[in-house]
């Protein structure tokens, strides 16, 4: 085995080991942000909706990481097509976890529900990928970044 092969295998092992740890940080961060926003909401209904959608996004990204991404990331199977499929699976899972009433309320609150959910998935995936997820909690990190409002949220660049 050459040094290059050894280093590639070592890198793949480190990446596979790091994904669950980073996902844990991401879930905790999203729950903290959800709690902070919920405290500022005026009605119990808004708080419930925020909690339901935030939990759905966290659970969907964790599901896709555990069932799809962990198995193929670092292999030749981790292609652009696989990244798009992983993103689509996460979005499908989020939508399946939300009630019709929640989707209608979310539409009234944000307008384009698809773009909003795609943006939240991208944000969660970006957070899960960060080398130091805690750096995203500082000024200039994800917490202060503007949210995408156009179709760019559906890209798969952050799923890499």
Protein backbone atom coordinates (compact mmCIF):
# COMPACT_ATOMS: atom_id res chain seq x y z
CA UNK A 1 0.00 0.00 0.00
CA UNK A 2 1.44 3.34 -1.02
CA UNK A 3 1.55 6.38 1.21
CA UNK A 4 -1.16 8.08 -0.89
CA UNK A 5 -3.51 5.12 -0.47
CA UNK A 6 -2.81 5.02 3.25
CA UNK A 7 -3.52 8.74 3.60
CA UNK A 8 -6.74 8.43 1.57
CA UNK A 9 -7.92 5.55 3.76
CA UNK A 10 -7.01 7.46 6.91
CA UNK A 11 -8.86 10.57 5.71
CA UNK A 12 -11.95 8.53 4.86
CA UNK A 13 -11.91 6.92 8.33
CA UNK A 14 -11.58 10.31 10.02
CA UNK A 15 -14.45 11.77 7.98
CA UNK A 16 -16.74 8.83 8.76
CA UNK A 17 -15.94 9.12 12.47
CA UNK A 18 -16.46 12.90 12.53
CA UNK A 19 -19.93 13.03 10.92
CA UNK A 20 -21.88 11.72 13.95
CA UNK A 21 -20.02 14.07 16.29
CA UNK A 22 -20.68 17.06 14.07
CA UNK A 23 -24.33 16.09 13.69
CA UNK A 24 -24.69 16.05 17.48
CA UNK A 25 -23.30 19.57 17.70
CA UNK A 26 -25.62 20.68 14.91
CA UNK A 27 -28.72 19.30 16.60
CA UNK A 28 -27.84 20.98 19.89
CA UNK A 29 -27.21 24.29 18.12
CA UNK A 30 -30.53 24.17 16.26
CA UNK A 31 -32.40 23.31 19.44
CA UNK A 32 -30.75 26.26 21.22
CA UNK A 33 -31.67 28.63 18.37
CA UNK A 34 -35.21 27.24 18.29
CA UNK A 35 -35.60 27.87 22.03
CA UNK A 36 -34.31 31.43 21.68
CA UNK A 37 -36.70 32.22 18.82
CA UNK A 38 -39.59 30.49 20.57
CA UNK A 39 -39.11 32.74 23.59
CA UNK A 40 -39.61 35.74 21.31
CA UNK A 41 -42.77 34.35 19.67
CA UNK A 42 -46.03 35.85 20.81
CA UNK A 43 -48.41 32.92 20.52
CA UNK A 44 -48.31 29.32 21.60
CA UNK A 45 -49.29 28.35 18.08
CA UNK A 46 -46.22 30.07 16.60
CA UNK A 47 -44.02 28.38 19.20
CA UNK A 48 -45.49 24.99 18.39
CA UNK A 49 -45.00 25.47 14.65
CA UNK A 50 -41.40 26.60 15.11
CA UNK A 51 -40.64 23.61 17.29
CA UNK A 52 -42.27 21.16 14.89
CA UNK A 53 -40.44 22.48 11.82
CA UNK A 54 -37.05 22.77 13.55
CA UNK A 55 -37.33 19.24 14.90
CA UNK A 56 -38.37 17.93 11.49
CA UNK A 57 -35.31 19.48 9.81
CA UNK A 58 -32.93 18.15 12.49
CA UNK A 59 -34.42 14.67 12.32
CA UNK A 60 -34.41 14.59 8.52
CA UNK A 61 -30.75 15.62 8.24
CA UNK A 62 -29.75 13.10 10.93
CA UNK A 63 -31.75 10.40 9.13
CA UNK A 64 -30.08 11.09 5.78
CA UNK A 65 -26.63 11.25 7.40
CA UNK A 66 -27.14 7.90 9.12
CA UNK A 67 -28.85 6.01 6.31
CA UNK A 68 -27.31 7.45 3.16
CA UNK A 69 -24.35 9.78 3.59
CA UNK A 70 -22.34 7.81 6.17
CA UNK A 71 -22.48 4.71 3.99
CA UNK A 72 -21.15 6.28 0.78
CA UNK A 73 -19.28 9.46 1.69
CA UNK A 74 -15.60 9.13 0.86
CA UNK A 75 -16.28 6.48 -1.79
CA UNK A 76 -16.70 6.74 -5.53
CA UNK A 77 -20.46 6.42 -5.00
CA UNK A 78 -20.56 9.92 -3.42
CA UNK A 79 -21.34 11.70 -6.69
CA UNK A 80 -23.29 14.83 -7.53
CA UNK A 81 -26.27 12.59 -8.28
CA UNK A 82 -25.98 10.96 -4.82
CA UNK A 83 -25.72 14.39 -3.18
CA UNK A 84 -28.87 15.57 -4.93
CA UNK A 85 -30.66 12.37 -3.94
CA UNK A 86 -29.60 12.83 -0.29
CA UNK A 87 -30.87 16.41 -0.33
CA UNK A 88 -34.17 15.32 -1.90
CA UNK A 89 -34.56 12.57 0.71
CA UNK A 90 -34.03 15.06 3.53
CA UNK A 91 -36.62 17.42 2.07
CA UNK A 92 -39.12 14.58 1.58
CA UNK A 93 -38.63 13.52 5.21
CA UNK A 94 -39.22 17.07 6.47
CA UNK A 95 -42.41 17.42 4.44
CA UNK A 96 -43.64 14.00 5.58
CA UNK A 97 -43.20 14.98 9.24
CA UNK A 98 -45.22 18.19 8.94
CA UNK A 99 -48.99 18.33 9.09
CA UNK A 100 -51.05 20.06 6.44
CA UNK A 101 -52.02 22.67 9.03
CA UNK A 102 -48.36 23.32 9.83
CA UNK A 103 -47.47 23.67 6.16
CA UNK A 104 -50.33 26.14 5.64
CA UNK A 105 -49.27 28.19 8.67
CA UNK A 106 -45.65 28.11 7.52
CA UNK A 107 -46.72 29.27 4.07
CA UNK A 108 -48.54 32.22 5.64
CA UNK A 109 -45.48 33.06 7.70
CA UNK A 110 -42.68 32.66 5.14
CA UNK A 111 -44.30 32.53 1.71
CA UNK A 112 -42.34 29.97 -0.31
CA UNK A 113 -42.29 26.91 1.95
CA UNK A 114 -40.10 24.82 -0.37
CA UNK A 115 -37.35 27.42 -0.50
CA UNK A 116 -37.57 28.02 3.25
CA UNK A 117 -37.25 24.29 4.03
CA UNK A 118 -34.40 23.89 1.52
CA UNK A 119 -32.58 26.79 3.16
CA UNK A 120 -33.01 25.27 6.61
CA UNK A 121 -31.72 21.92 5.38
CA UNK A 122 -28.68 23.60 3.81
CA UNK A 123 -28.07 25.50 7.04
CA UNK A 124 -28.27 22.29 9.09
CA UNK A 125 -25.95 20.44 6.71
CA UNK A 126 -23.47 23.33 6.73
CA UNK A 127 -23.47 23.32 10.48
CA UNK A 128 -22.96 19.55 10.59
CA UNK A 129 -19.99 19.87 8.21
CA UNK A 130 -18.18 22.62 10.10
CA UNK A 131 -14.79 21.65 11.48
CA UNK A 132 -15.67 23.48 14.68
CA UNK A 133 -19.46 23.84 14.91
CA UNK A 134 -19.05 26.24 17.81
CA UNK A 135 -17.39 28.80 15.50
CA UNK A 136 -20.73 29.14 13.72
CA UNK A 137 -22.26 30.48 16.93
CA UNK A 138 -19.97 33.52 16.85
CA UNK A 139 -20.68 36.81 15.05
CA UNK A 140 -20.36 36.32 11.31
CA UNK A 141 -21.25 32.62 11.59
CA UNK A 142 -24.49 30.94 10.58
CA UNK A 143 -26.43 32.72 13.30
CA UNK A 144 -25.75 36.08 11.67
CA UNK A 145 -25.81 34.94 8.03
CA UNK A 146 -28.73 36.10 5.90
CA UNK A 147 -31.13 33.36 4.90
CA UNK A 148 -31.41 32.51 1.22
CA UNK A 149 -34.75 33.47 -0.27
CA UNK A 150 -34.23 32.37 -3.85
CA UNK A 151 -33.90 28.98 -5.52
CA UNK A 152 -30.23 28.76 -4.55
CA UNK A 153 -31.19 26.93 -1.40
CA UNK A 154 -31.76 23.76 -3.41
CA UNK A 155 -28.13 23.43 -4.40
CA UNK A 156 -26.18 20.43 -3.23
CA UNK A 157 -22.87 22.13 -2.64
CA UNK A 158 -23.26 21.98 1.13
CA UNK A 159 -23.99 18.27 1.09
CA UNK A 160 -20.42 17.56 -0.06
